[in-house]
């Protein structure tokens, strides 16, 4: 008897790690229903494009990706943040099969059913316990909530993704356990505002390992710290209760790393951004954190050229950076976001001046970063291996998140594999990267997880 055609789905996942987790959830559901995942346009019966719509440049990239998928495959379903603007999508690409907004997993799956009906085979175990993931085997993003309650003037995330909706702590911890059992060595905790986790739910309790655990940031972190893997926190706001997390980092239960989107330091600009404007309290908090956990690495992002930003405001920011001594900094030149309140603010900064300020900020931060990196020469640091080639291994220290921070290059370490946890004696440092050799203190290698289906993103140029 001829073998039935197994429907295949391709996916292009754009935007932030939170969108990547959405893509993983969609693929996990489809894989459970018998669909296979295609790594090419030609091999897919239908292509899902998970879009980003935060900045105008991101909208343009998403529309271009949709156009490429339509041209290469012809059967395209659009989801994600840009899906909130169906008229714009259909105006540019009228041939798309369906358009859904962010977090509408069931609507996406339903659209796939309409385009390519699923096969049902109850005798096949199609999905591994940890689900389908689009990251390397040894690290995974762990989303703890959706949406956001903040009202930043430059941001439209609440309009795109709704208000804060926290997941039960027990559900998060069971997902984390499944990931760790599958060989994940590093969990990257993400949400729009990690510090606000549980606020919407009244910090409700749920069950994990036979005991109650509250939907509260510190309680969740304590529990995650029991899993024996690296736990890295992203998108944390410097609220007072974050102080409770630092002892966990000092004890080694969490990676000593905080990703905090400060965005600016000038009180006047922060007020226009509708963000907390107590920059002096923030500096005091950073100093207190480092007293508790001297190895703490802080990563942040800033916006230059915000409407109304004066030279005095910008100089204030540069001075603040010198004093804060942040380890990792990203900088963006302000651009209008369709629907954002900041678009209507007076005194827009010229593009040429935005570029000049961006260059000046990065020059200051490079000096700060280089000095902090040079202080690591001679130390032995833990690192996680990401790649291995004929020259050695490319790893990351605990101060480095994947894809956004620096690397640790380990010369001659050709026998390692991705996911190995190693000790590296640092011999050389530059602004962003470190070089060193394996220290005799040893290597910890992950156990092989159960066999699972591989999920790959389509090549999209993203």
Protein backbone atom coordinates (compact mmCIF):
# COMPACT_ATOMS: atom_id res chain seq x y z
CA UNK A 1 0.00 0.00 0.00
CA UNK A 2 1.33 3.43 -0.91
CA UNK A 3 2.58 5.47 2.01
CA UNK A 4 0.38 8.45 2.83
CA UNK A 5 1.93 11.87 2.33
CA UNK A 6 2.96 13.28 5.69
CA UNK A 7 2.19 17.02 5.76
CA UNK A 8 5.21 19.25 6.30
CA UNK A 9 5.36 22.73 7.82
CA UNK A 10 8.16 25.28 7.55
CA UNK A 11 8.59 28.27 9.81
CA UNK A 12 10.41 31.60 9.68
CA UNK A 13 10.73 32.99 13.19
CA UNK A 14 11.60 36.69 13.48
CA UNK A 15 12.01 39.03 16.41
CA UNK A 16 12.88 38.47 20.05
CA UNK A 17 13.35 35.27 22.09
CA UNK A 18 9.77 35.61 23.32
CA UNK A 19 8.58 35.19 19.72
CA UNK A 20 10.95 32.24 19.31
CA UNK A 21 9.23 30.51 22.24
CA UNK A 22 5.87 31.13 20.52
CA UNK A 23 7.25 29.42 17.41
CA UNK A 24 8.41 26.46 19.48
CA UNK A 25 4.94 26.08 21.01
CA UNK A 26 3.29 26.13 17.59
CA UNK A 27 5.71 23.53 16.23
CA UNK A 28 5.27 21.31 19.29
CA UNK A 29 1.49 21.30 18.81
CA UNK A 30 1.78 20.57 15.08
CA UNK A 31 4.39 17.86 15.60
CA UNK A 32 2.09 16.18 18.11
CA UNK A 33 -0.58 16.08 15.41
CA UNK A 34 1.65 14.29 12.93
CA UNK A 35 3.14 17.16 10.95
CA UNK A 36 6.82 17.06 10.02
CA UNK A 37 9.05 20.14 10.18
CA UNK A 38 10.68 21.23 6.93
CA UNK A 39 13.94 23.14 6.80
CA UNK A 40 13.32 24.48 3.28
CA UNK A 41 10.63 26.31 1.41
CA UNK A 42 10.56 23.65 -1.30
CA UNK A 43 9.94 20.84 1.20
CA UNK A 44 7.06 22.53 3.02
CA UNK A 45 3.36 22.19 2.25
CA UNK A 46 2.75 25.45 4.09
CA UNK A 47 5.03 28.07 5.66
CA UNK A 48 4.36 29.98 8.88
CA UNK A 49 5.99 33.41 9.22
CA UNK A 50 6.12 34.56 12.86
CA UNK A 51 6.57 38.31 12.56
CA UNK A 52 7.88 41.21 14.63
CA UNK A 53 6.11 44.58 14.53
CA UNK A 54 7.75 46.59 17.28
CA UNK A 55 9.80 49.04 15.18
CA UNK A 56 9.10 50.27 11.67
CA UNK A 57 12.34 48.62 10.56
CA UNK A 58 11.11 45.33 12.08
CA UNK A 59 7.78 45.72 10.22
CA UNK A 60 9.69 46.16 6.98
CA UNK A 61 11.79 43.07 7.68
CA UNK A 62 8.66 41.05 8.48
CA UNK A 63 6.87 42.18 5.31
CA UNK A 64 9.97 41.27 3.29
CA UNK A 65 10.09 37.81 4.91
CA UNK A 66 6.41 37.26 4.10
CA UNK A 67 7.08 38.27 0.50
CA UNK A 68 10.00 35.87 0.26
CA UNK A 69 7.91 33.01 1.64
CA UNK A 70 5.06 33.78 -0.78
CA UNK A 71 7.49 33.86 -3.70
CA UNK A 72 9.35 30.69 -2.70
CA UNK A 73 6.43 28.58 -1.46
CA UNK A 74 3.13 30.32 -2.16
CA UNK A 75 1.21 28.93 0.81
CA UNK A 76 1.88 31.24 3.76
CA UNK A 77 0.29 31.77 7.17
CA UNK A 78 1.29 34.91 9.07
CA UNK A 79 1.30 35.25 12.86
CA UNK A 80 3.08 37.28 15.53
CA UNK A 81 3.10 40.94 16.50
CA UNK A 82 2.65 42.33 12.98
CA UNK A 83 -0.42 40.11 12.68
CA UNK A 84 -2.30 42.76 14.66
CA UNK A 85 -2.21 44.85 11.46
CA UNK A 86 -3.87 42.41 9.06
CA UNK A 87 -4.77 45.18 6.62
CA UNK A 88 -1.11 46.13 6.12
CA UNK A 89 -0.11 42.49 5.59
CA UNK A 90 -2.88 41.75 3.10
CA UNK A 91 -2.29 45.08 1.39
CA UNK A 92 1.31 44.11 0.70
CA UNK A 93 0.75 40.38 0.24
CA UNK A 94 -2.86 39.58 -0.66
CA UNK A 95 -2.08 35.90 -1.35
CA UNK A 96 -1.36 34.95 2.29
CA UNK A 97 -3.70 32.20 3.49
CA UNK A 98 -4.38 33.50 7.01
CA UNK A 99 -3.26 36.19 9.46
CA UNK A 100 -3.31 35.83 13.26
CA UNK A 101 -1.94 37.99 16.07
CA UNK A 102 0.66 37.20 18.76
CA UNK A 103 0.12 34.27 21.14
CA UNK A 104 -2.83 32.96 19.10
CA UNK A 105 -1.43 29.43 18.97
CA UNK A 106 -4.75 27.67 18.38
CA UNK A 107 -5.65 30.05 15.55
CA UNK A 108 -2.33 29.33 13.84
CA UNK A 109 -2.80 25.57 14.21
CA UNK A 110 -6.35 25.89 12.90
CA UNK A 111 -5.10 27.79 9.85
CA UNK A 112 -2.55 25.03 9.21
CA UNK A 113 -5.37 22.45 9.45
CA UNK A 114 -7.30 24.39 6.82
CA UNK A 115 -4.31 24.59 4.49
CA UNK A 116 -2.95 21.06 5.03
CA UNK A 117 -5.19 18.65 6.98
CA UNK A 118 -3.28 16.56 9.53
CA UNK A 119 -2.76 12.82 9.53
CA UNK A 120 -3.66 11.00 12.70
CA UNK A 121 -1.69 7.99 13.92
CA UNK A 122 -2.24 7.19 17.61
CA UNK A 123 0.56 4.61 17.58
CA UNK A 124 3.34 7.14 16.96
CA UNK A 125 5.11 9.04 19.74
CA UNK A 126 5.75 12.16 17.72
CA UNK A 127 6.87 14.71 20.31
CA UNK A 128 9.66 14.45 22.89
CA UNK A 129 8.69 15.41 26.45
CA UNK A 130 10.49 18.76 26.22
CA UNK A 131 8.63 19.73 23.02
CA UNK A 132 10.08 21.09 19.78
CA UNK A 133 12.78 23.73 20.17
CA UNK A 134 14.56 26.05 17.74
CA UNK A 135 17.64 26.62 19.92
CA UNK A 136 20.70 24.36 20.21
CA UNK A 137 20.23 21.34 22.43
CA UNK A 138 22.17 22.74 25.39
CA UNK A 139 20.22 25.95 26.07
CA UNK A 140 16.56 26.96 25.96
CA UNK A 141 14.38 29.99 26.59
CA UNK A 142 11.86 29.65 29.42
CA UNK A 143 8.98 32.12 29.07
CA UNK A 144 7.29 32.87 32.41
CA UNK A 145 4.64 35.38 31.36
CA UNK A 146 3.01 37.15 28.43
CA UNK A 147 2.27 40.83 27.96
CA UNK A 148 3.21 43.88 30.00
CA UNK A 149 1.57 46.43 32.31
CA UNK A 150 4.11 49.21 31.70
CA UNK A 151 3.20 52.25 29.60
CA UNK A 152 6.57 53.32 28.13
CA UNK A 153 5.97 56.10 25.61
CA UNK A 154 8.18 54.52 22.93
CA UNK A 155 6.71 51.01 23.21
CA UNK A 156 3.56 49.35 21.84
CA UNK A 157 4.09 45.88 23.35
CA UNK A 158 1.00 46.12 25.62
CA UNK A 159 -1.08 46.94 22.55
CA UNK A 160 0.45 44.03 20.62
CA UNK A 161 0.65 41.37 23.33
CA UNK A 162 -1.79 42.54 25.98
CA UNK A 163 -1.41 43.09 29.69
CA UNK A 164 0.71 40.96 32.01
CA UNK A 165 -0.43 37.33 32.18
CA UNK A 166 1.83 35.18 34.36
CA UNK A 167 2.07 31.41 34.04
CA UNK A 168 1.55 29.27 37.17
CA UNK A 169 4.88 28.58 38.84
CA UNK A 170 4.25 24.84 38.87
CA UNK A 171 3.76 24.78 35.08
CA UNK A 172 7.01 26.73 34.53
CA UNK A 173 8.98 24.45 36.85
CA UNK A 174 7.68 21.26 35.24
CA UNK A 175 8.66 22.62 31.82
CA UNK A 176 12.11 23.50 33.20
CA UNK A 177 12.48 19.96 34.58
CA UNK A 178 11.61 18.43 31.20
CA UNK A 179 14.17 20.65 29.49
CA UNK A 180 16.89 19.77 32.00
CA UNK A 181 16.10 16.05 31.63
CA UNK A 182 16.50 16.44 27.85
CA UNK A 183 20.06 17.76 28.15
CA UNK A 184 19.54 21.51 28.44
CA UNK A 185 22.35 22.99 30.53
CA UNK A 186 21.23 26.63 30.50
CA UNK A 187 17.75 28.10 30.96
CA UNK A 188 17.24 31.69 29.85
CA UNK A 189 14.26 33.12 31.73
CA UNK A 190 12.36 35.61 29.59
CA UNK A 191 9.22 37.73 29.68
CA UNK A 192 8.43 41.34 28.92
CA UNK A 193 8.98 42.30 32.58
CA UNK A 194 10.47 39.44 34.60
CA UNK A 195 10.43 41.46 37.83
CA UNK A 196 6.64 41.79 37.63
CA UNK A 197 6.09 38.04 37.43
CA UNK A 198 3.02 36.95 39.40
CA UNK A 199 1.72 40.45 40.16
CA UNK A 200 -1.38 39.92 38.01
CA UNK A 201 -2.13 36.59 39.71
CA UNK A 202 -1.77 37.88 43.26
CA UNK A 203 1.37 35.69 43.58
CA UNK A 204 -0.90 32.63 43.61
CA UNK A 205 0.43 29.27 44.76
CA UNK A 206 0.60 26.16 42.61
CA UNK A 207 2.06 22.71 43.22
CA UNK A 208 5.52 21.47 42.32
CA UNK A 209 7.19 18.34 43.68
CA UNK A 210 4.38 17.92 46.16
CA UNK A 211 4.74 21.33 47.76
CA UNK A 212 3.24 24.79 47.10
CA UNK A 213 5.30 27.41 45.28
CA UNK A 214 4.23 31.01 44.78
CA UNK A 215 4.11 32.82 41.44
CA UNK A 216 6.72 35.28 42.69
CA UNK A 217 10.07 36.06 41.13
CA UNK A 218 12.24 35.13 44.12
CA UNK A 219 10.30 31.92 44.85
CA UNK A 220 10.49 30.84 41.22
CA UNK A 221 14.23 31.54 41.10
CA UNK A 222 14.87 29.53 44.27
CA UNK A 223 13.06 26.57 42.75
CA UNK A 224 14.82 26.86 39.38
CA UNK A 225 18.11 26.95 41.28
CA UNK A 226 17.46 23.38 42.43
CA UNK A 227 17.64 21.93 38.90
CA UNK A 228 21.42 21.88 38.59
CA UNK A 229 21.58 23.95 35.38
CA UNK A 230 22.59 27.52 34.62
CA UNK A 231 19.62 29.86 35.12
CA UNK A 232 20.00 33.28 33.49
CA UNK A 233 17.54 36.17 34.03
CA UNK A 234 16.56 38.53 31.21
CA UNK A 235 14.43 41.69 31.08
CA UNK A 236 14.58 42.47 34.80
CA UNK A 237 13.54 45.89 36.08
CA UNK A 238 15.51 47.21 39.11
CA UNK A 239 12.63 47.01 41.59
CA UNK A 240 13.54 46.65 45.30
CA UNK A 241 12.48 42.99 45.49
CA UNK A 242 15.20 42.10 42.96
CA UNK A 243 17.58 42.48 45.94
CA UNK A 244 16.35 39.05 47.09
CA UNK A 245 17.84 37.42 43.99
CA UNK A 246 21.45 38.44 44.60
CA UNK A 247 22.15 35.99 47.47
CA UNK A 248 20.99 33.17 45.16
CA UNK A 249 23.59 34.30 42.63
CA UNK A 250 26.28 34.55 45.30
CA UNK A 251 25.44 30.97 46.35
CA UNK A 252 25.76 29.70 42.77
CA UNK A 253 22.09 28.81 42.38
CA UNK A 254 21.59 31.39 39.63
CA UNK A 255 24.03 32.69 37.04
CA UNK A 256 25.35 36.05 38.35
CA UNK A 257 23.88 37.99 35.44
CA UNK A 258 21.07 40.51 35.12
CA UNK A 259 19.71 41.87 31.84
CA UNK A 260 18.14 45.22 32.81
CA UNK A 261 16.79 47.56 30.09
CA UNK A 262 17.67 50.90 31.70
CA UNK A 263 17.13 52.78 28.38
CA UNK A 264 18.53 56.09 29.72
CA UNK A 265 19.82 57.83 32.86
CA UNK A 266 18.73 61.45 32.54
CA UNK A 267 15.69 62.01 34.81
CA UNK A 268 14.16 64.34 32.24
CA UNK A 269 14.42 61.80 29.40
CA UNK A 270 13.28 58.92 31.62
CA UNK A 271 10.19 60.95 32.54
CA UNK A 272 9.43 61.52 28.85
CA UNK A 273 9.91 57.78 28.29
CA UNK A 274 7.49 57.10 31.22
CA UNK A 275 10.08 55.01 33.00
CA UNK A 276 11.35 55.10 36.61
CA UNK A 277 13.53 58.20 36.90
CA UNK A 278 15.44 57.50 40.13
CA UNK A 279 18.82 56.95 38.50
CA UNK A 280 20.69 57.78 41.74
CA UNK A 281 18.81 55.01 43.58
CA UNK A 282 19.64 52.67 40.71
CA UNK A 283 23.36 53.38 41.12
CA UNK A 284 23.08 52.72 44.84
CA UNK A 285 21.28 49.46 44.12
CA UNK A 286 23.96 48.33 41.65
CA UNK A 287 26.67 49.00 44.24
CA UNK A 288 24.72 47.05 46.87
CA UNK A 289 24.21 44.13 44.47
CA UNK A 290 27.93 43.94 43.76
CA UNK A 291 28.72 43.94 47.46
CA UNK A 292 26.55 40.85 47.81
CA UNK A 293 27.73 39.22 44.55
CA UNK A 294 31.05 40.67 43.31
CA UNK A 295 30.94 38.59 40.09
CA UNK A 296 27.58 40.03 39.03
CA UNK A 297 27.50 40.94 35.33
CA UNK A 298 24.94 43.53 34.25
CA UNK A 299 23.79 43.88 30.69
CA UNK A 300 21.58 46.74 29.51
CA UNK A 301 20.24 48.60 26.50
CA UNK A 302 19.95 52.34 25.94
CA UNK A 303 18.22 54.63 23.48
CA UNK A 304 19.98 57.76 22.21
CA UNK A 305 18.31 60.58 20.31
CA UNK A 306 14.99 60.26 22.11
CA UNK A 307 12.72 63.27 21.36
CA UNK A 308 13.80 66.20 23.49
CA UNK A 309 17.16 64.67 24.49
CA UNK A 310 19.59 67.56 24.86
CA UNK A 311 23.37 67.51 24.89
CA UNK A 312 23.16 67.96 28.66
CA UNK A 313 20.90 64.87 28.93
CA UNK A 314 23.29 62.87 26.81
CA UNK A 315 26.35 63.94 28.80
CA UNK A 316 24.48 62.90 31.95
CA UNK A 317 24.00 59.45 30.42
CA UNK A 318 27.71 59.15 29.57
CA UNK A 319 28.69 60.11 33.12
CA UNK A 320 26.19 57.61 34.51
CA UNK A 321 27.68 54.83 32.38
CA UNK A 322 31.16 55.64 33.66
CA UNK A 323 29.89 55.38 37.22
CA UNK A 324 27.65 52.33 36.76
CA UNK A 325 30.41 50.26 35.13
CA UNK A 326 28.02 47.95 33.28
CA UNK A 327 29.53 44.84 31.74
CA UNK A 328 27.52 44.64 28.52
CA UNK A 329 25.67 47.47 26.76
CA UNK A 330 23.63 47.66 23.59
CA UNK A 331 22.58 51.01 22.16
CA UNK A 332 19.79 51.93 19.75
CA UNK A 333 19.19 55.12 17.83
CA UNK A 334 15.62 56.23 18.53
CA UNK A 335 13.07 55.69 15.79
CA UNK A 336 9.32 56.24 15.78
CA UNK A 337 7.13 53.18 16.32
CA UNK A 338 3.74 53.24 14.68
CA UNK A 339 1.16 53.85 17.40
CA UNK A 340 3.65 54.90 20.11
CA UNK A 341 3.01 58.03 22.18
CA UNK A 342 6.59 59.23 21.74
CA UNK A 343 5.96 59.93 18.05
CA UNK A 344 4.08 63.10 18.99
CA UNK A 345 6.74 64.48 21.33
CA UNK A 346 8.37 67.78 20.32
CA UNK A 347 12.04 68.47 19.62
CA UNK A 348 12.85 65.41 17.53
CA UNK A 349 16.60 64.81 17.25
CA UNK A 350 18.16 64.82 13.78
CA UNK A 351 19.33 61.45 12.43
CA UNK A 352 22.91 62.73 12.04
CA UNK A 353 23.00 63.72 15.71
CA UNK A 354 21.58 60.33 16.73
CA UNK A 355 24.44 58.64 14.91
CA UNK A 356 27.04 60.90 16.53
CA UNK A 357 25.63 60.20 20.00
CA UNK A 358 25.50 56.47 19.31
CA UNK A 359 29.19 56.49 18.36
CA UNK A 360 30.13 58.53 21.43
CA UNK A 361 28.22 56.24 23.78
CA UNK A 362 29.74 53.10 22.31
CA UNK A 363 33.22 54.61 22.59
CA UNK A 364 32.70 55.30 26.31
CA UNK A 365 31.21 51.87 26.93
CA UNK A 366 34.02 50.11 25.05
CA UNK A 367 36.51 51.63 27.49
CA UNK A 368 34.39 50.45 30.42
CA UNK A 369 33.95 46.98 28.95
CA UNK A 370 37.64 46.58 28.14
CA UNK A 371 38.67 47.49 31.68
CA UNK A 372 36.19 45.04 33.18
CA UNK A 373 37.32 42.31 30.79
CA UNK A 374 41.02 42.91 31.51
CA UNK A 375 40.30 42.34 35.20
CA UNK A 376 39.41 38.73 34.31
CA UNK A 377 42.85 37.87 32.91
CA UNK A 378 44.50 35.27 35.14
CA UNK A 379 41.22 34.09 36.65
CA UNK A 380 39.63 30.67 36.16
CA UNK A 381 36.05 31.08 34.95
CA UNK A 382 33.26 28.59 34.33
CA UNK A 383 32.09 28.47 30.72
CA UNK A 384 29.59 26.61 28.56
CA UNK A 385 30.64 25.35 25.13
CA UNK A 386 28.58 26.44 22.11
CA UNK A 387 30.72 25.27 19.14
CA UNK A 388 33.86 23.28 18.43
CA UNK A 389 36.07 23.48 15.32
CA UNK A 390 39.56 22.47 14.30
CA UNK A 391 41.14 25.32 16.29
CA UNK A 392 39.32 24.79 19.56
CA UNK A 393 36.05 25.62 21.27
CA UNK A 394 33.84 28.69 21.27
CA UNK A 395 32.22 29.05 24.68
CA UNK A 396 30.52 31.63 26.88
CA UNK A 397 31.26 32.69 30.43
CA UNK A 398 28.49 33.28 32.94
CA UNK A 399 28.66 36.96 31.93
CA UNK A 400 27.62 36.13 28.36
CA UNK A 401 24.14 35.32 27.07
CA UNK A 402 23.95 33.53 23.70
CA UNK A 403 23.91 35.61 20.53
CA UNK A 404 23.97 39.02 22.26
CA UNK A 405 27.13 39.05 24.42
CA UNK A 406 30.75 37.97 23.99
CA UNK A 407 32.57 34.65 23.69
CA UNK A 408 35.35 32.72 25.39
CA UNK A 409 37.70 31.17 22.83
CA UNK A 410 39.43 28.05 24.18
CA UNK A 411 42.50 27.29 22.11
CA UNK A 412 43.22 23.65 21.29
CA UNK A 413 40.12 22.29 23.03
CA UNK A 414 39.01 20.18 20.07
CA UNK A 415 37.69 17.25 22.12
CA UNK A 416 34.83 19.18 23.71
CA UNK A 417 31.20 19.06 22.59
CA UNK A 418 28.46 21.72 22.75
CA UNK A 419 26.93 21.80 26.20
CA UNK A 420 30.12 20.89 28.06
CA UNK A 421 30.65 22.92 31.22
CA UNK A 422 34.35 23.70 31.57
CA UNK A 423 36.79 25.74 33.65
CA UNK A 424 38.90 28.16 31.60
CA UNK A 425 42.02 30.03 32.69
CA UNK A 426 41.81 33.43 30.98
CA UNK A 427 45.00 34.53 29.21
CA UNK A 428 43.85 37.43 27.03
CA UNK A 429 40.94 39.88 26.93
CA UNK A 430 39.51 42.47 24.54
CA UNK A 431 36.43 44.70 24.74
CA UNK A 432 33.91 41.90 24.32
CA UNK A 433 35.71 38.54 24.14
CA UNK A 434 38.09 36.41 26.20
CA UNK A 435 40.75 33.85 25.25
CA UNK A 436 42.10 31.08 27.43
CA UNK A 437 42.92 27.41 27.97
CA UNK A 438 41.21 24.60 29.82
CA UNK A 439 42.04 24.48 33.49
CA UNK A 440 42.80 21.06 35.05
CA UNK A 441 39.78 21.45 37.34
CA UNK A 442 37.85 19.46 34.75
CA UNK A 443 34.93 19.25 32.37
CA UNK A 444 31.31 18.37 33.09
CA UNK A 445 29.57 16.74 30.13
CA UNK A 446 25.79 16.42 29.76
CA UNK A 447 24.16 13.01 29.51
CA UNK A 448 22.52 12.10 26.22
CA UNK A 449 18.81 12.94 26.25
CA UNK A 450 16.10 10.71 24.76
CA UNK A 451 15.91 10.74 20.96
CA UNK A 452 13.80 13.60 19.68
CA UNK A 453 12.70 15.19 16.44
CA UNK A 454 14.82 18.13 15.27
CA UNK A 455 13.20 21.45 14.43
CA UNK A 456 14.96 23.94 12.20
CA UNK A 457 14.20 27.44 11.12
CA UNK A 458 13.99 28.17 7.41
CA UNK A 459 16.87 30.20 6.03
CA UNK A 460 15.35 33.64 5.97
CA UNK A 461 18.30 36.02 6.21
CA UNK A 462 17.06 37.04 9.66
